[in-house]
């Protein structure tokens, strides 16, 4: 069974996002809104990954569905792929609100692209913290983030965030008796 949402390459780049991830859905929604307001010639196709690996293979035979879920992908009209921070930079280049500064990611200093490297690092961190930001489909946080996840969970319980009144521990101060 094929999902119509992924059929066929277009003349515009295709941003693939994990529609089960709340973080990805929110970012894709903003990108889609921005792309739809773009003047003629500045477009980006925003599509959910879906659940059929064959649909992804029809777009690009080397694209694995699990890789697509793990990291943002932009499929270019020529069939090439941009992944992670490179994909984010491509999205920035395509959107009218961000294209004015997107050239900085192509800037070379002694054969090194420092701003692209920072964007790659930022994307890697965002991808790692998606489970902490509330995305259950992204699995458990990386090993280095588990103490932070524990602290966030404990702080939420301590201050009663996301709990009905009267349940859980609450901060009562030192003079409470």
C-alpha atoms as a PDB file:
ATOM      1  CA  UNK A   1       0.000   0.000   0.000  1.00  0.00           C
ATOM      2  CA  UNK A   2       1.465   3.328  -1.012  1.00  0.00           C
ATOM      3  CA  UNK A   3       0.905   6.633   0.637  1.00  0.00           C
ATOM      4  CA  UNK A   4       0.088   9.458  -1.790  1.00  0.00           C
ATOM      5  CA  UNK A   5       1.915  11.940   0.438  1.00  0.00           C
ATOM      6  CA  UNK A   6       5.358  10.897  -0.817  1.00  0.00           C
ATOM      7  CA  UNK A   7       4.785  10.045  -4.472  1.00  0.00           C
ATOM      8  CA  UNK A   8       7.013  11.646  -7.061  1.00  0.00           C
ATOM      9  CA  UNK A   9       9.845  14.119  -7.180  1.00  0.00           C
ATOM     10  CA  UNK A  10       9.051  17.712  -7.953  1.00  0.00           C
ATOM     11  CA  UNK A  11      11.066  20.616  -9.286  1.00  0.00           C
ATOM     12  CA  UNK A  12      11.351  21.971  -5.747  1.00  0.00           C
ATOM     13  CA  UNK A  13      13.273  20.487  -2.818  1.00  0.00           C
ATOM     14  CA  UNK A  14      11.279  18.207  -0.519  1.00  0.00           C
ATOM     15  CA  UNK A  15      11.643  18.571   3.241  1.00  0.00           C
ATOM     16  CA  UNK A  16      10.800  15.260   4.920  1.00  0.00           C
ATOM     17  CA  UNK A  17       9.748  15.341   8.560  1.00  0.00           C
ATOM     18  CA  UNK A  18       8.643  12.855  11.202  1.00  0.00           C
ATOM     19  CA  UNK A  19       4.926  13.554  11.571  1.00  0.00           C
ATOM     20  CA  UNK A  20       4.802  11.527  14.796  1.00  0.00           C
ATOM     21  CA  UNK A  21       7.300  13.853  16.500  1.00  0.00           C
ATOM     22  CA  UNK A  22       5.710  16.905  18.083  1.00  0.00           C
ATOM     23  CA  UNK A  23       8.897  18.953  17.686  1.00  0.00           C
ATOM     24  CA  UNK A  24       9.265  18.034  14.002  1.00  0.00           C
ATOM     25  CA  UNK A  25       5.560  18.680  13.352  1.00  0.00           C
ATOM     26  CA  UNK A  26       5.761  22.150  14.885  1.00  0.00           C
ATOM     27  CA  UNK A  27       8.900  23.101  12.936  1.00  0.00           C
ATOM     28  CA  UNK A  28       7.473  21.659   9.684  1.00  0.00           C
ATOM     29  CA  UNK A  29       4.274  23.637  10.216  1.00  0.00           C
ATOM     30  CA  UNK A  30       6.246  26.876  10.519  1.00  0.00           C
ATOM     31  CA  UNK A  31       8.353  26.041   7.467  1.00  0.00           C
ATOM     32  CA  UNK A  32       5.241  25.134   5.449  1.00  0.00           C
ATOM     33  CA  UNK A  33       3.529  28.373   6.464  1.00  0.00           C
ATOM     34  CA  UNK A  34       6.604  30.392   5.535  1.00  0.00           C
ATOM     35  CA  UNK A  35       7.048  28.559   2.207  1.00  0.00           C
ATOM     36  CA  UNK A  36       3.388  29.078   1.298  1.00  0.00           C
ATOM     37  CA  UNK A  37       3.821  32.837   1.803  1.00  0.00           C
ATOM     38  CA  UNK A  38       6.961  32.862  -0.363  1.00  0.00           C
ATOM     39  CA  UNK A  39       7.008  34.800  -3.632  1.00  0.00           C
ATOM     40  CA  UNK A  40       6.946  32.872  -6.897  1.00  0.00           C
ATOM     41  CA  UNK A  41      10.108  30.846  -7.468  1.00  0.00           C
ATOM     42  CA  UNK A  42      11.011  30.408  -3.785  1.00  0.00           C
ATOM     43  CA  UNK A  43       9.330  27.166  -2.797  1.00  0.00           C
ATOM     44  CA  UNK A  44       9.845  24.163  -0.632  1.00  0.00           C
ATOM     45  CA  UNK A  45       7.699  21.048  -0.563  1.00  0.00           C
ATOM     46  CA  UNK A  46       7.092  19.892   3.029  1.00  0.00           C
ATOM     47  CA  UNK A  47       5.972  16.268   3.423  1.00  0.00           C
ATOM     48  CA  UNK A  48       5.630  13.806   6.291  1.00  0.00           C
ATOM     49  CA  UNK A  49       7.798  10.701   6.042  1.00  0.00           C
ATOM     50  CA  UNK A  50       4.872   8.321   6.316  1.00  0.00           C
ATOM     51  CA  UNK A  51       5.214   4.675   7.205  1.00  0.00           C
ATOM     52  CA  UNK A  52       5.903   2.982   3.883  1.00  0.00           C
ATOM     53  CA  UNK A  53       9.622   2.453   3.130  1.00  0.00           C
ATOM     54  CA  UNK A  54       8.788   1.874  -0.545  1.00  0.00           C
ATOM     55  CA  UNK A  55       7.414   5.410  -0.855  1.00  0.00           C
ATOM     56  CA  UNK A  56      10.743   6.784   0.327  1.00  0.00           C
ATOM     57  CA  UNK A  57      12.602   4.445  -2.024  1.00  0.00           C
ATOM     58  CA  UNK A  58      10.553   5.849  -4.923  1.00  0.00           C
ATOM     59  CA  UNK A  59      11.900   9.313  -4.079  1.00  0.00           C
ATOM     60  CA  UNK A  60      15.493   8.198  -3.548  1.00  0.00           C
ATOM     61  CA  UNK A  61      16.573   4.530  -3.635  1.00  0.00           C
ATOM     62  CA  UNK A  62      19.325   5.066  -1.054  1.00  0.00           C
ATOM     63  CA  UNK A  63      17.021   6.638   1.560  1.00  0.00           C
ATOM     64  CA  UNK A  64      16.278   4.335   4.476  1.00  0.00           C
ATOM     65  CA  UNK A  65      13.082   5.041   6.424  1.00  0.00           C
ATOM     66  CA  UNK A  66      14.869   4.715   9.783  1.00  0.00           C
ATOM     67  CA  UNK A  67      17.509   7.226   8.721  1.00  0.00           C
ATOM     68  CA  UNK A  68      14.724   9.582   7.643  1.00  0.00           C
ATOM     69  CA  UNK A  69      13.063   9.298  11.052  1.00  0.00           C
ATOM     70  CA  UNK A  70      16.358   9.914  12.829  1.00  0.00           C
ATOM     71  CA  UNK A  71      17.397  13.080  11.013  1.00  0.00           C
ATOM     72  CA  UNK A  72      15.892  15.787   8.845  1.00  0.00           C
ATOM     73  CA  UNK A  73      16.296  15.193   5.102  1.00  0.00           C
ATOM     74  CA  UNK A  74      15.873  17.541   2.164  1.00  0.00           C
ATOM     75  CA  UNK A  75      15.644  15.783  -1.187  1.00  0.00           C
ATOM     76  CA  UNK A  76      16.917  18.075  -3.919  1.00  0.00           C
ATOM     77  CA  UNK A  77      15.368  18.158  -7.416  1.00  0.00           C
ATOM     78  CA  UNK A  78      18.549  16.603  -8.862  1.00  0.00           C
ATOM     79  CA  UNK A  79      18.056  13.540  -6.600  1.00  0.00           C
ATOM     80  CA  UNK A  80      20.781  14.415  -4.085  1.00  0.00           C
ATOM     81  CA  UNK A  81      20.050  14.564  -0.356  1.00  0.00           C
ATOM     82  CA  UNK A  82      20.967  17.010   2.349  1.00  0.00           C
ATOM     83  CA  UNK A  83      20.836  15.722   5.920  1.00  0.00           C
ATOM     84  CA  UNK A  84      20.910  17.282   9.397  1.00  0.00           C
ATOM     85  CA  UNK A  85      22.450  20.751   9.591  1.00  0.00           C
ATOM     86  CA  UNK A  86      23.037  20.802   5.829  1.00  0.00           C
ATOM     87  CA  UNK A  87      19.288  20.250   5.328  1.00  0.00           C
ATOM     88  CA  UNK A  88      18.480  23.037   7.790  1.00  0.00           C
ATOM     89  CA  UNK A  89      20.806  25.400   5.895  1.00  0.00           C
ATOM     90  CA  UNK A  90      19.033  24.476   2.641  1.00  0.00           C
ATOM     91  CA  UNK A  91      15.655  25.249   4.222  1.00  0.00           C
ATOM     92  CA  UNK A  92      17.026  28.617   5.417  1.00  0.00           C
ATOM     93  CA  UNK A  93      18.218  29.353   1.844  1.00  0.00           C
ATOM     94  CA  UNK A  94      14.730  28.648   0.465  1.00  0.00           C
ATOM     95  CA  UNK A  95      12.599  30.691   2.865  1.00  0.00           C
ATOM     96  CA  UNK A  96      12.162  34.435   2.323  1.00  0.00           C
ATOM     97  CA  UNK A  97      12.436  35.264   6.043  1.00  0.00           C
ATOM     98  CA  UNK A  98      15.794  33.505   6.448  1.00  0.00           C
ATOM     99  CA  UNK A  99      17.475  33.555   3.043  1.00  0.00           C
ATOM    100  CA  UNK A 100      19.080  36.940   3.789  1.00  0.00           C
ATOM    101  CA  UNK A 101      21.461  35.352   6.313  1.00  0.00           C
ATOM    102  CA  UNK A 102      21.636  31.778   4.959  1.00  0.00           C
ATOM    103  CA  UNK A 103      24.707  32.560   2.856  1.00  0.00           C
ATOM    104  CA  UNK A 104      26.759  32.594   6.035  1.00  0.00           C
ATOM    105  CA  UNK A 105      26.572  28.796   6.181  1.00  0.00           C
ATOM    106  CA  UNK A 106      28.538  28.578   2.911  1.00  0.00           C
ATOM    107  CA  UNK A 107      31.289  30.898   4.172  1.00  0.00           C
ATOM    108  CA  UNK A 108      34.711  29.233   4.131  1.00  0.00           C
ATOM    109  CA  UNK A 109      37.537  30.169   6.483  1.00  0.00           C
ATOM    110  CA  UNK A 110      40.763  28.332   5.603  1.00  0.00           C
ATOM    111  CA  UNK A 111      38.746  25.574   3.908  1.00  0.00           C
ATOM    112  CA  UNK A 112      36.480  25.204   6.935  1.00  0.00           C
ATOM    113  CA  UNK A 113      32.818  26.288   7.183  1.00  0.00           C
ATOM    114  CA  UNK A 114      32.578  27.445  10.815  1.00  0.00           C
ATOM    115  CA  UNK A 115      28.950  28.598  10.693  1.00  0.00           C
ATOM    116  CA  UNK A 116      27.804  25.392   9.012  1.00  0.00           C
ATOM    117  CA  UNK A 117      29.698  23.432  11.675  1.00  0.00           C
ATOM    118  CA  UNK A 118      27.865  25.365  14.408  1.00  0.00           C
ATOM    119  CA  UNK A 119      24.541  24.714  12.689  1.00  0.00           C
ATOM    120  CA  UNK A 120      25.401  20.998  12.422  1.00  0.00           C
ATOM    121  CA  UNK A 121      26.210  20.926  16.146  1.00  0.00           C
ATOM    122  CA  UNK A 122      22.994  22.790  16.998  1.00  0.00           C
ATOM    123  CA  UNK A 123      20.937  20.359  14.924  1.00  0.00           C
ATOM    124  CA  UNK A 124      22.643  17.365  16.547  1.00  0.00           C
ATOM    125  CA  UNK A 125      21.807  18.726  20.001  1.00  0.00           C
ATOM    126  CA  UNK A 126      18.188  19.450  18.992  1.00  0.00           C
ATOM    127  CA  UNK A 127      17.831  15.945  17.574  1.00  0.00           C
ATOM    128  CA  UNK A 128      19.176  14.510  20.836  1.00  0.00           C
ATOM    129  CA  UNK A 129      16.888  16.549  23.087  1.00  0.00           C
ATOM    130  CA  UNK A 130      13.636  15.953  21.152  1.00  0.00           C
ATOM    131  CA  UNK A 131      12.574  13.278  23.702  1.00  0.00           C
ATOM    132  CA  UNK A 132      13.026  15.810  26.521  1.00  0.00           C
ATOM    133  CA  UNK A 133      10.917  18.359  24.634  1.00  0.00           C
ATOM    134  CA  UNK A 134       7.996  15.954  24.648  1.00  0.00           C
ATOM    135  CA  UNK A 135       8.448  13.749  21.603  1.00  0.00           C
ATOM    136  CA  UNK A 136       7.532  10.211  22.566  1.00  0.00           C
ATOM    137  CA  UNK A 137       8.134   8.858  19.043  1.00  0.00           C
ATOM    138  CA  UNK A 138      11.826   9.822  19.227  1.00  0.00           C
ATOM    139  CA  UNK A 139      12.516   7.161  21.842  1.00  0.00           C
ATOM    140  CA  UNK A 140      14.626   7.594  24.921  1.00  0.00           C
ATOM    141  CA  UNK A 141      17.177  10.357  25.266  1.00  0.00           C
ATOM    142  CA  UNK A 142      20.840   9.683  24.525  1.00  0.00           C
ATOM    143  CA  UNK A 143      22.915   8.464  27.428  1.00  0.00           C
ATOM    144  CA  UNK A 144      24.394  11.916  28.090  1.00  0.00           C
ATOM    145  CA  UNK A 145      20.877  13.415  28.315  1.00  0.00           C
ATOM    146  CA  UNK A 146      19.305  10.936  30.688  1.00  0.00           C
ATOM    147  CA  UNK A 147      20.387  12.843  33.835  1.00  0.00           C
ATOM    148  CA  UNK A 148      18.865  16.007  32.346  1.00  0.00           C
ATOM    149  CA  UNK A 149      15.643  14.134  31.503  1.00  0.00           C
ATOM    150  CA  UNK A 150      15.530  12.857  35.094  1.00  0.00           C
ATOM    151  CA  UNK A 151      16.032  16.410  36.443  1.00  0.00           C
ATOM    152  CA  UNK A 152      13.286  17.781  34.192  1.00  0.00           C
ATOM    153  CA  UNK A 153      10.896  15.024  35.282  1.00  0.00           C
ATOM    154  CA  UNK A 154      11.672  15.589  38.963  1.00  0.00           C
ATOM    155  CA  UNK A 155      11.336  19.376  38.657  1.00  0.00           C
ATOM    156  CA  UNK A 156       7.969  18.997  36.914  1.00  0.00           C
ATOM    157  CA  UNK A 157       6.772  16.666  39.671  1.00  0.00           C
ATOM    158  CA  UNK A 158       8.141  18.923  42.408  1.00  0.00           C
ATOM    159  CA  UNK A 159       6.377  22.010  41.104  1.00  0.00           C
ATOM    160  CA  UNK A 160       3.253  20.182  39.985  1.00  0.00           C
ATOM    161  CA  UNK A 161       3.587  20.890  36.278  1.00  0.00           C
ATOM    162  CA  UNK A 162       1.303  18.720  34.112  1.00  0.00           C
ATOM    163  CA  UNK A 163      -0.361  17.136  37.156  1.00  0.00           C
ATOM    164  CA  UNK A 164      -3.923  17.596  38.363  1.00  0.00           C
ATOM    165  CA  UNK A 165      -4.296  19.582  41.552  1.00  0.00           C
ATOM    166  CA  UNK A 166      -3.847  17.557  44.687  1.00  0.00           C
ATOM    167  CA  UNK A 167      -1.495  14.968  43.199  1.00  0.00           C
ATOM    168  CA  UNK A 168       2.267  14.684  43.334  1.00  0.00           C
ATOM    169  CA  UNK A 169       4.796  16.463  45.495  1.00  0.00           C
ATOM    170  CA  UNK A 170       4.712  20.232  45.702  1.00  0.00           C
ATOM    171  CA  UNK A 171       7.157  22.784  46.968  1.00  0.00           C
ATOM    172  CA  UNK A 172       5.734  24.100  50.228  1.00  0.00           C
ATOM    173  CA  UNK A 173       8.596  26.127  51.625  1.00  0.00           C
ATOM    174  CA  UNK A 174      10.604  25.634  54.792  1.00  0.00           C
ATOM    175  CA  UNK A 175       7.951  26.936  57.209  1.00  0.00           C
ATOM    176  CA  UNK A 176       5.189  24.630  56.057  1.00  0.00           C
ATOM    177  CA  UNK A 177       4.030  22.268  58.682  1.00  0.00           C
END
